[in-house]
Amino acid sequence: MATVTFPEALGGNGKTYTDDASATTGLDAYGYVTRFVPCLSQTVIMAGSAAASAAGAAASAASALNAPGTNASQVSGSVAIGAGSKTINIQSGKAYAVGQTLVAASLANPANYIAGQVTAYDSGTGALTLSVPANGVGGTGTKTDLVVSMGALINNTLPTMTGNIGKFLTTTDGVAASWSASPLAVAFGGTGADNPSAALAGLGAQASHANLTAVSGLSLTADKLPYANGSGTLTLTSLTTFGRSLIDDGDAATARTTLGLVIGTHVQAQDAELSAIAGLTSTADRLPYFTGSGTAALAVFSSFGRSLVDDTDATGARSTLGAAADADVAVLQTAVGAMSGMIAAFGMPTAPTGWLECNGASLLRADYPALFAAIGTTWGSADGTHFTLPDLRGEFLRGYDHGKGTDTGRVFATAQADDLKAHTHTLPTNQTNMNSTGGTTTGGASGSGSATGSTGGGETRPRNIAILYCIRT
C-alpha cells in the first residue's frame, strides 16, 4: 500500500492519503471521487509555497551580496588584468577599508584575476582602487564581470615556521607574508611569548606539576591540612583549633606561651655548650668532652674506663687499678705532704707543685708561713719581712755532724770550701845510672830529692750527675 502526506510545514493540510479502499484515506473503491481532487489541490499549494520560499532565499542572497561586509560585483566599465593601480566600479555602501586585501576575479573564468591592497574606496559612488603587485595577477584580458571578494594572500609560499614559535604572519602588500618580529601580544589574542614557560607567565597561568596535580586530587574538607606522603603524592591530616593557634604565632616567644612553656622551668634555654653536644654523632662506647668554648668532641669510653669511674672511693679505684696502697706508704705520703722545710732531689729541671728550688731566693714570710716556721732565717734574711732559701745549686750535700766528731766545729747550714786532706809523698833520694858496655850492664847510685809536677782541675770532686734540689713549702 502506498501513502502520501501533505505536511503543514510545507504548506499542506497535514492529511495522509492511501491507494487502498480505506473509508477515510483510500483512493480505491470510488475513493478517488472524493479525495483525488483534494490531493491535486494540496500539490499545487505546496508547489506555490516552495516557489515563494525560493524567491525569498534569492532575495536574501541578493541582499547578502549587497551587504557592506560581503563580496561585490563590477557594475560598469572594464578593467585590464595586470599589475598597477586598478579602479573597479562596484556597488556603493560596502565596508571596504584602505589597507584591506581584496581579490577581483572574472565571474566567467576565475583564473583571470587581480589581487592587492585597497588604496581608495568611495562608499558613495562605489569606486574602488586596488594596488596590484606583479605577483598578484592571474590570466590576461580586459574584464567587465569582475567579482570582488575579501581574499587571502596570493603568494602561496609561506615562510618557514622553524624558530617562530608564538609569532604571527603579517604582510605589507597583501601578497607576500612574513613572520612578525615578536610573538602576538596577549591583548590581541596571543601569548606574548616564544616558549611554553614564558607563555604561561604571560597568560598568568600555572605550569603543570606533579605536586599541583596531587593537590587537585585531594577532596578538601574542613579542618584538614595537606602534606606530602611521597614523591608527588599528598594526603590530608587533621588541623585542630589548637594546631591553628600554634602555627599562627609570629615568633618563638608567642609559641612558648601557647604551649605553656617557660624557659628555665619547663625547657632548657638555648646554650652554646648544649648545641655543641647536640651536634655530635653519638656512637657506642664514646664519651663527649669539650675541646673549647662551645665546641665538643667524642672520646673512646672503654669498658675498663667505665669500671674505673663507677668506683665510689679511692680504695675501690686502687683495687680496679690493681694498686692497693700500703699503710706505711700512705703514712709517708701524709708526712711528706705536711713536712715543710724538707729538701729532696728531683729528676726534672723545674720544681713540682708544693716545692721551691733551693736557689737562695728571698721570700716574704707572709707568703710561706709554714716554710718560714720550719727554717726561719737559718739560711739568711734580707730584712724583717723576708727569709732566704738555701742555695744548693752546684753543691754536694753533707750530713750535719751534730756532735759526731767527723766534721768537727761545723755549724748547721754553713758552707764548706773545697779541701784536700793533709798527706805526704815519699820520693827516692838515689838514682842508679845505667851504663851499657859490651852487653854488660853496671850501675851505681847518685842524685838528690826533687818536687813532682802539677796536675788536675780547678777543684777536687768525685764523679757526679747534676740534679735539682728543692725544699717543701
Protein backbone atom coordinates (compact mmCIF):
# COMPACT_ATOMS: atom_id res chain seq x y z
CA MET A 1 0.00 0.00 0.00
CA ALA A 2 1.26 3.44 -0.97
CA THR A 3 0.63 6.58 1.12
CA VAL A 4 1.23 10.30 0.68
CA THR A 5 1.14 13.03 3.37
CA PHE A 6 1.00 16.79 2.79
CA PRO A 7 2.96 18.37 5.71
CA GLU A 8 1.66 21.60 7.13
CA ALA A 9 5.25 22.91 7.46
CA LEU A 10 5.43 22.86 3.62
CA GLY A 11 2.02 24.44 3.09
CA GLY A 12 -0.12 21.24 3.08
CA ASN A 13 -3.15 20.34 5.18
CA GLY A 14 -1.36 17.66 7.14
CA LYS A 15 -3.58 14.84 5.82
CA THR A 16 -2.49 11.39 4.59
CA TYR A 17 -3.95 9.60 1.51
CA THR A 18 -3.60 5.92 0.57
CA ASP A 19 -4.17 3.78 -2.57
CA ASP A 20 -6.35 1.23 -0.80
CA ALA A 21 -10.09 1.06 -0.10
CA SER A 22 -9.87 2.79 3.30
CA ALA A 23 -13.12 4.62 4.04
CA THR A 24 -11.21 7.72 5.31
CA THR A 25 -7.97 7.87 3.27
CA GLY A 26 -8.23 5.42 0.36
CA LEU A 27 -8.45 6.38 -3.31
CA ASP A 28 -9.72 2.91 -4.29
CA ALA A 29 -13.39 1.80 -4.36
CA TYR A 30 -14.58 5.23 -5.60
CA GLY A 31 -12.48 7.00 -3.07
CA TYR A 32 -10.84 8.96 -5.85
CA VAL A 33 -14.16 10.71 -6.46
CA THR A 34 -13.93 12.50 -3.13
CA ARG A 35 -10.16 12.51 -2.43
CA PHE A 36 -8.23 12.77 -5.73
CA VAL A 37 -9.01 16.43 -6.41
CA PRO A 38 -8.04 17.49 -2.87
CA CYS A 39 -4.72 15.69 -3.36
CA LEU A 40 -4.05 17.65 -6.54
CA SER A 41 -5.03 20.85 -4.78
CA GLN A 42 -2.58 20.21 -1.96
CA THR A 43 0.14 19.52 -4.53
CA VAL A 44 -0.43 22.87 -6.19
CA ILE A 45 -0.49 24.68 -2.86
CA MET A 46 2.79 23.15 -1.71
CA ALA A 47 4.42 23.93 -5.08
CA GLY A 48 3.41 27.55 -4.66
CA SER A 49 4.81 27.61 -1.14
CA ALA A 50 8.12 26.18 -2.40
CA ALA A 51 8.31 28.82 -5.12
CA ALA A 52 7.70 31.57 -2.57
CA SER A 53 10.44 30.18 -0.33
CA ALA A 54 12.89 30.05 -3.25
CA ALA A 55 12.12 33.65 -4.15
CA GLY A 56 12.71 34.67 -0.55
CA ALA A 57 16.02 32.84 -0.49
CA ALA A 58 17.10 34.53 -3.71
CA ALA A 59 16.17 37.90 -2.29
CA SER A 60 18.13 37.13 0.88
CA ALA A 61 21.13 36.04 -1.18
CA ALA A 62 20.95 39.22 -3.23
CA SER A 63 20.66 41.26 -0.06
CA ALA A 64 23.63 39.45 1.49
CA LEU A 65 25.65 40.00 -1.65
CA ASN A 66 24.99 43.71 -1.42
CA ALA A 67 25.68 43.87 2.35
CA PRO A 68 28.59 46.16 3.39
CA GLY A 69 30.87 43.35 4.55
CA THR A 70 30.30 40.86 1.69
CA ASN A 71 31.50 40.40 -1.89
CA ALA A 72 30.82 43.00 -4.57
CA SER A 73 30.23 42.85 -8.34
CA GLN A 74 31.54 45.05 -11.12
CA VAL A 75 28.59 47.23 -12.23
CA SER A 76 30.14 49.28 -15.07
CA GLY A 77 33.29 49.87 -17.09
CA SER A 78 36.09 47.47 -17.91
CA VAL A 79 39.36 46.57 -16.19
CA ALA A 80 42.55 45.18 -17.78
CA ILE A 81 44.09 42.22 -15.98
CA GLY A 82 47.64 43.27 -14.93
CA ALA A 83 49.78 44.91 -12.25
CA GLY A 84 49.48 48.52 -11.16
CA SER A 85 46.71 50.76 -9.79
CA LYS A 86 43.32 49.41 -10.87
CA THR A 87 39.93 51.11 -10.40
CA ILE A 88 36.76 48.97 -10.40
CA ASN A 89 33.22 50.39 -10.24
CA ILE A 90 31.27 48.23 -7.76
CA GLN A 91 28.21 48.62 -5.54
CA SER A 92 28.21 51.55 -3.17
CA GLY A 93 27.81 51.18 0.60
CA LYS A 94 30.44 48.49 1.08
CA ALA A 95 32.57 48.45 4.22
CA TYR A 96 35.92 48.07 2.45
CA ALA A 97 38.80 50.00 4.05
CA VAL A 98 42.21 51.22 2.93
CA GLY A 99 44.91 48.57 3.54
CA GLN A 100 42.49 45.67 3.23
CA THR A 101 43.44 42.87 0.79
CA LEU A 102 40.82 42.14 -1.94
CA VAL A 103 40.65 39.79 -4.93
CA ALA A 104 38.77 40.70 -8.11
CA ALA A 105 38.17 37.58 -10.31
CA SER A 106 36.26 37.10 -13.55
CA LEU A 107 32.86 35.52 -12.95
CA ALA A 108 33.15 33.62 -16.23
CA ASN A 109 36.71 32.43 -15.64
CA PRO A 110 38.09 32.93 -12.09
CA ALA A 111 41.60 32.11 -13.35
CA ASN A 112 41.63 35.69 -14.63
CA TYR A 113 42.06 37.89 -11.53
CA ILE A 114 43.87 40.73 -9.85
CA ALA A 115 44.65 40.98 -6.14
CA GLY A 116 46.07 43.75 -3.97
CA GLN A 117 45.54 46.21 -1.16
CA VAL A 118 42.80 48.85 -1.18
CA THR A 119 44.27 52.30 -1.67
CA ALA A 120 40.91 54.11 -2.03
CA TYR A 121 37.18 53.37 -1.85
CA ASP A 122 34.28 55.79 -2.23
CA SER A 123 31.32 54.16 -0.47
CA GLY A 124 29.03 56.77 -2.03
CA THR A 125 29.92 56.08 -5.67
CA GLY A 126 31.35 52.57 -5.37
CA ALA A 127 34.70 53.49 -6.96
CA LEU A 128 37.31 51.00 -5.63
CA THR A 129 41.08 51.35 -6.30
CA LEU A 130 43.49 48.45 -5.73
CA SER A 131 47.32 48.46 -5.78
CA VAL A 132 48.11 45.21 -7.62
CA PRO A 133 51.70 43.83 -7.37
CA ALA A 134 53.28 41.74 -10.13
CA ASN A 135 52.62 38.50 -8.29
CA GLY A 136 49.01 39.49 -7.70
CA VAL A 137 47.96 38.87 -11.33
CA GLY A 138 46.41 35.77 -12.89
CA GLY A 139 45.46 35.44 -16.58
CA THR A 140 45.09 38.24 -19.17
CA GLY A 141 42.50 40.33 -20.96
CA THR A 142 40.02 43.09 -20.18
CA LYS A 143 37.08 42.15 -17.95
CA THR A 144 33.63 43.59 -17.28
CA ASP A 145 32.39 40.77 -14.98
CA LEU A 146 34.74 41.01 -12.02
CA VAL A 147 33.51 39.83 -8.61
CA VAL A 148 35.34 41.43 -5.67
CA SER A 149 35.88 39.35 -2.52
CA MET A 150 37.87 39.59 0.65
CA GLY A 151 40.78 37.41 -0.40
CA ALA A 152 43.77 35.88 1.33
CA LEU A 153 47.41 36.16 0.40
CA ILE A 154 48.05 35.45 -3.25
CA ASN A 155 51.58 34.12 -2.75
CA ASN A 156 51.05 30.53 -1.61
CA THR A 157 54.65 30.14 -0.43
CA LEU A 158 54.68 30.80 3.33
CA PRO A 159 57.89 31.47 5.30
CA THR A 160 59.31 28.61 7.37
CA MET A 161 57.79 28.02 10.78
CA THR A 162 61.14 26.97 12.36
CA GLY A 163 62.15 29.28 15.19
CA ASN A 164 58.95 31.33 15.02
CA ILE A 165 57.00 29.93 17.96
CA GLY A 166 54.29 32.30 19.10
CA LYS A 167 54.72 34.69 16.15
CA PHE A 168 52.09 35.52 13.54
CA LEU A 169 52.01 36.09 9.78
CA THR A 170 51.91 39.65 8.55
CA THR A 171 52.01 41.35 5.14
CA THR A 172 52.80 44.83 3.86
CA ASP A 173 51.47 44.44 0.33
CA GLY A 174 48.67 41.91 0.66
CA VAL A 175 50.65 39.37 -1.34
CA ALA A 176 53.90 38.33 0.37
CA ALA A 177 53.90 37.24 4.02
CA SER A 178 56.50 37.20 6.78
CA TRP A 179 56.57 36.34 10.46
CA SER A 180 56.14 39.11 12.97
CA ALA A 181 59.22 40.44 14.80
CA SER A 182 57.77 39.38 18.15
CA PRO A 183 55.04 37.00 19.34
CA LEU A 184 51.44 38.13 19.21
CA ALA A 185 50.62 40.11 22.35
CA VAL A 186 48.08 38.81 24.86
CA ALA A 187 45.89 41.85 24.17
CA PHE A 188 45.49 40.65 20.56
CA GLY A 189 44.77 37.03 21.38
CA GLY A 190 48.35 35.72 21.54
CA THR A 191 50.60 34.72 24.42
CA GLY A 192 53.34 37.34 24.04
CA ALA A 193 55.96 34.57 24.30
CA ASP A 194 58.03 32.19 22.20
CA ASN A 195 58.33 29.35 24.73
CA PRO A 196 55.86 27.49 26.95
CA SER A 197 57.15 28.85 30.26
CA ALA A 198 57.02 32.46 29.11
CA ALA A 199 53.61 31.86 27.53
CA LEU A 200 52.24 30.57 30.83
CA ALA A 201 53.69 33.55 32.64
CA GLY A 202 52.27 35.97 30.08
CA LEU A 203 48.83 34.44 30.40
CA GLY A 204 49.08 34.29 34.19
CA ALA A 205 48.73 30.51 34.05
CA GLN A 206 50.42 27.91 36.27
CA ALA A 207 52.61 25.25 34.65
CA SER A 208 51.59 21.66 35.20
CA HIS A 209 53.41 19.99 38.11
CA ALA A 210 53.06 16.64 39.86
CA ASN A 211 52.66 18.33 43.25
CA LEU A 212 49.85 20.57 41.98
CA THR A 213 48.19 17.56 40.38
CA ALA A 214 48.40 15.80 43.73
CA VAL A 215 46.76 18.80 45.42
CA SER A 216 43.96 18.86 42.85
CA GLY A 217 43.31 15.17 43.55
CA LEU A 218 42.53 15.79 47.22
CA SER A 219 38.98 16.04 48.50
CA LEU A 220 39.28 19.06 50.75
CA THR A 221 37.20 19.14 53.92
CA ALA A 222 37.08 21.36 56.98
CA ASP A 223 39.97 21.32 59.45
CA LYS A 224 42.32 19.35 57.19
CA LEU A 225 45.90 20.12 56.16
CA PRO A 226 47.59 18.62 53.06
CA TYR A 227 51.07 17.14 53.46
CA ALA A 228 53.40 15.08 51.28
CA ASN A 229 53.48 11.33 51.97
CA GLY A 230 55.69 10.50 49.00
CA SER A 231 57.15 11.92 45.80
CA GLY A 232 54.32 13.74 44.03
CA THR A 233 51.67 12.39 46.41
CA LEU A 234 49.71 14.20 49.11
CA THR A 235 47.24 13.28 51.78
CA LEU A 236 45.30 15.12 54.47
CA THR A 237 45.76 15.29 58.21
CA SER A 238 43.65 16.95 60.85
CA LEU A 239 44.40 20.59 61.70
CA THR A 240 42.77 21.27 65.04
CA THR A 241 41.85 24.59 66.57
CA PHE A 242 44.88 24.30 68.83
CA GLY A 243 47.12 23.45 65.89
CA ARG A 244 45.97 26.60 64.09
CA SER A 245 46.54 28.67 67.23
CA LEU A 246 50.12 27.36 67.35
CA ILE A 247 51.14 27.80 63.71
CA ASP A 248 49.75 31.34 63.55
CA ASP A 249 52.18 32.52 66.26
CA GLY A 250 54.59 35.12 64.96
CA ASP A 251 57.65 34.18 66.99
CA ALA A 252 59.13 31.60 69.37
CA ALA A 253 58.15 33.54 72.50
CA THR A 254 54.47 33.54 71.46
CA ALA A 255 54.66 29.84 70.56
CA ARG A 256 56.07 29.02 74.01
CA THR A 257 53.20 30.95 75.58
CA THR A 258 50.70 28.96 73.50
CA LEU A 259 52.39 25.74 74.61
CA GLY A 260 52.54 26.90 78.23
CA LEU A 261 56.33 26.57 78.36
CA VAL A 262 58.63 28.74 80.48
CA ILE A 263 62.38 28.72 79.82
CA GLY A 264 64.24 27.57 82.92
CA THR A 265 61.10 25.92 84.31
CA HIS A 266 59.87 23.59 81.59
CA VAL A 267 62.62 23.71 78.98
CA GLN A 268 66.35 24.49 78.76
CA ALA A 269 67.32 27.82 77.24
CA GLN A 270 69.45 27.88 74.09
CA ASP A 271 73.09 27.31 75.06
CA ALA A 272 76.30 27.06 73.00
CA GLU A 273 77.57 24.07 75.01
CA LEU A 274 74.30 22.20 74.61
CA SER A 275 74.31 22.96 70.90
CA ALA A 276 77.87 21.61 70.66
CA ILE A 277 76.80 18.36 72.32
CA ALA A 278 73.69 18.18 70.14
CA GLY A 279 75.93 18.48 67.09
CA LEU A 280 77.82 15.29 67.93
CA THR A 281 77.02 11.99 66.25
CA SER A 282 76.70 9.54 69.10
CA THR A 283 78.08 6.02 68.73
CA ALA A 284 78.72 3.13 71.10
CA ASP A 285 81.42 3.46 73.77
CA ARG A 286 82.01 7.18 73.31
CA LEU A 287 82.14 9.97 75.90
CA PRO A 288 81.52 13.64 74.99
CA TYR A 289 84.03 16.22 76.19
CA PHE A 290 84.61 19.91 75.47
CA THR A 291 87.52 20.92 73.24
CA GLY A 292 86.95 24.64 73.71
CA SER A 293 84.27 27.23 74.35
CA GLY A 294 81.13 25.99 72.63
CA THR A 295 82.91 23.07 70.90
CA ALA A 296 82.82 19.40 71.78
CA ALA A 297 84.13 16.04 70.59
CA LEU A 298 83.86 12.37 71.46
CA ALA A 299 86.48 10.24 73.24
CA VAL A 300 86.60 6.45 73.49
CA PHE A 301 84.97 5.26 76.74
CA SER A 302 86.12 1.67 77.17
CA SER A 303 84.62 -0.94 79.46
CA PHE A 304 87.69 -0.56 81.72
CA GLY A 305 87.19 3.18 81.85
CA ARG A 306 83.58 2.66 82.86
CA SER A 307 84.64 0.17 85.56
CA LEU A 308 87.04 2.79 86.95
CA VAL A 309 84.71 5.78 87.02
CA ASP A 310 81.94 3.82 88.72
CA ASP A 311 84.14 3.24 91.81
CA THR A 312 82.75 5.08 94.83
CA ASP A 313 86.05 5.85 96.59
CA ALA A 314 89.85 5.83 96.24
CA THR A 315 90.12 2.35 97.75
CA GLY A 316 87.81 0.96 95.09
CA ALA A 317 89.68 2.82 92.35
CA ARG A 318 93.06 1.47 93.58
CA SER A 319 91.59 -2.01 93.60
CA THR A 320 90.37 -1.56 89.99
CA LEU A 321 93.84 -0.33 89.04
CA GLY A 322 95.48 -3.22 90.88
CA ALA A 323 97.49 -0.73 93.01
CA ALA A 324 96.32 -1.14 96.61
CA ALA A 325 98.28 1.36 98.81
CA ASP A 326 100.40 0.10 101.74
CA ALA A 327 99.55 1.69 105.10
CA ASP A 328 103.14 2.79 105.61
CA VAL A 329 103.24 4.38 102.18
CA ALA A 330 100.05 6.26 102.98
CA VAL A 331 101.59 7.47 106.26
CA LEU A 332 104.76 8.53 104.44
CA GLN A 333 102.75 10.36 101.79
CA THR A 334 100.88 12.21 104.53
CA ALA A 335 104.10 13.04 106.35
CA VAL A 336 105.85 14.28 103.20
CA GLY A 337 102.82 16.33 102.24
CA ALA A 338 102.88 18.06 105.64
CA MET A 339 106.72 18.35 106.10
CA SER A 340 107.57 21.95 105.25
CA GLY A 341 111.33 22.56 105.00
CA MET A 342 112.13 19.08 103.72
CA ILE A 343 114.83 19.05 100.97
CA ALA A 344 114.63 16.48 98.19
CA ALA A 345 116.26 15.85 94.83
CA PHE A 346 114.08 15.81 91.66
CA GLY A 347 114.75 14.46 88.23
CA MET A 348 113.30 17.45 86.31
CA PRO A 349 114.64 20.98 85.84
CA THR A 350 111.66 22.73 87.47
CA ALA A 351 110.18 22.40 90.95
CA PRO A 352 106.92 20.42 91.26
CA THR A 353 103.81 21.81 92.90
CA GLY A 354 104.31 22.46 96.63
CA TRP A 355 108.10 22.73 96.28
CA LEU A 356 110.57 25.55 95.62
CA GLU A 357 114.00 25.32 94.01
CA CYS A 358 116.87 25.72 96.52
CA ASN A 359 118.31 28.73 94.71
CA GLY A 360 118.91 31.20 97.59
CA ALA A 361 115.80 33.23 96.73
CA SER A 362 114.46 35.81 99.20
CA LEU A 363 110.76 35.21 100.03
CA LEU A 364 108.13 37.07 102.01
CA ARG A 365 107.47 35.35 105.30
CA ALA A 366 103.73 36.12 104.94
CA ASP A 367 103.60 34.24 101.61
CA TYR A 368 105.12 30.99 103.01
CA PRO A 369 104.27 30.91 106.74
CA ALA A 370 104.68 27.12 107.11
CA LEU A 371 108.10 27.08 105.44
CA PHE A 372 109.27 30.10 107.42
CA ALA A 373 108.11 28.44 110.62
CA ALA A 374 110.21 25.40 109.68
CA ILE A 375 113.52 27.02 108.60
CA GLY A 376 113.25 30.59 109.91
CA THR A 377 116.28 32.67 108.96
CA THR A 378 118.69 29.75 109.11
CA TRP A 379 119.76 30.44 105.57
CA GLY A 380 119.68 34.24 105.97
CA SER A 381 117.22 37.10 105.53
CA ALA A 382 117.17 40.36 103.63
CA ASP A 383 115.07 42.19 106.25
CA GLY A 384 112.49 41.68 108.94
CA THR A 385 109.76 40.58 106.45
CA HIS A 386 111.76 38.18 104.26
CA PHE A 387 113.67 34.93 104.70
CA THR A 388 116.18 33.23 102.41
CA LEU A 389 116.09 29.76 100.86
CA PRO A 390 119.21 27.56 100.89
CA ASP A 391 121.26 27.85 97.71
CA LEU A 392 122.25 24.30 96.77
CA ARG A 393 122.99 24.92 93.12
CA GLY A 394 126.26 23.20 92.15
CA GLU A 395 126.80 21.93 95.72
CA PHE A 396 127.38 18.47 97.26
CA LEU A 397 125.29 17.92 100.41
CA ARG A 398 126.95 16.69 103.62
CA GLY A 399 125.20 15.39 106.69
CA TYR A 400 125.29 17.71 109.72
CA ASP A 401 127.94 16.35 112.19
CA HIS A 402 125.74 17.26 115.12
CA GLY A 403 128.31 16.15 117.79
CA LYS A 404 129.63 13.04 116.00
CA GLY A 405 133.17 14.37 115.65
CA THR A 406 133.69 13.54 111.95
CA ASP A 407 133.15 17.11 110.77
CA THR A 408 134.02 18.91 113.97
CA GLY A 409 133.46 22.57 114.51
CA ARG A 410 130.71 22.82 111.89
CA VAL A 411 127.57 24.93 112.38
CA PHE A 412 124.29 23.79 110.76
CA ALA A 413 123.60 25.32 107.33
CA THR A 414 127.16 26.62 106.89
CA ALA A 415 129.09 26.17 103.64
CA GLN A 416 132.47 24.50 103.45
CA ALA A 417 135.08 25.26 100.79
CA ASP A 418 136.80 22.52 98.83
CA ASP A 419 139.87 21.00 100.51
CA LEU A 420 142.35 18.14 100.32
CA LYS A 421 143.26 16.12 103.38
CA ALA A 422 146.80 16.68 104.51
CA HIS A 423 149.21 13.91 103.36
CA THR A 424 152.79 13.28 102.19
CA HIS A 425 154.53 11.52 99.29
CA THR A 426 157.92 9.76 99.55
CA LEU A 427 160.37 10.35 96.67
CA PRO A 428 163.61 8.33 96.06
CA THR A 429 166.83 10.11 97.13
CA ASN A 430 169.23 7.94 95.00
CA GLN A 431 169.10 7.21 91.28
CA THR A 432 171.07 4.36 89.64
CA ASN A 433 172.84 5.31 86.44
CA MET A 434 172.57 2.56 83.92
CA ASN A 435 175.53 2.15 81.60
CA SER A 436 175.84 -0.38 78.86
CA THR A 437 179.20 -1.73 77.79
CA GLY A 438 179.71 -4.67 75.50
CA GLY A 439 176.43 -6.23 76.55
CA THR A 440 177.26 -5.97 80.29
CA THR A 441 175.36 -3.57 82.45
CA THR A 442 176.84 -1.87 85.53
CA GLY A 443 175.21 0.59 87.84
CA GLY A 444 175.77 2.95 90.71
CA ALA A 445 173.69 5.26 92.94
CA SER A 446 173.80 9.05 92.55
CA GLY A 447 171.44 12.16 92.65
CA SER A 448 169.25 14.02 95.22
CA GLY A 449 165.40 14.54 96.08
CA SER A 450 163.07 16.68 93.73
CA ALA A 451 159.39 18.00 93.55
CA THR A 452 156.60 16.40 91.44
CA GLY A 453 154.80 18.28 88.63
CA SER A 454 151.23 19.89 88.88
CA THR A 455 148.17 18.06 87.54
CA GLY A 456 144.25 18.21 87.91
CA GLY A 457 141.46 20.83 87.50
CA GLY A 458 140.01 23.74 89.47
CA GLU A 459 138.50 21.62 92.27
CA THR A 460 138.63 18.25 93.93
CA ARG A 461 135.40 16.27 93.24
CA PRO A 462 134.07 12.77 92.68
CA ARG A 463 132.10 11.71 89.62
CA ASN A 464 128.61 13.26 89.76
CA ILE A 465 125.28 14.00 88.00
CA ALA A 466 123.50 17.35 88.16
CA ILE A 467 120.01 17.19 89.73
CA LEU A 468 117.55 19.73 91.15
CA TYR A 469 117.35 20.24 94.93
CA CYS A 470 114.01 21.59 96.11
CA ILE A 471 112.51 22.45 99.50
CA ARG A 472 108.97 21.64 100.60
CA THR A 473 106.83 24.73 101.18
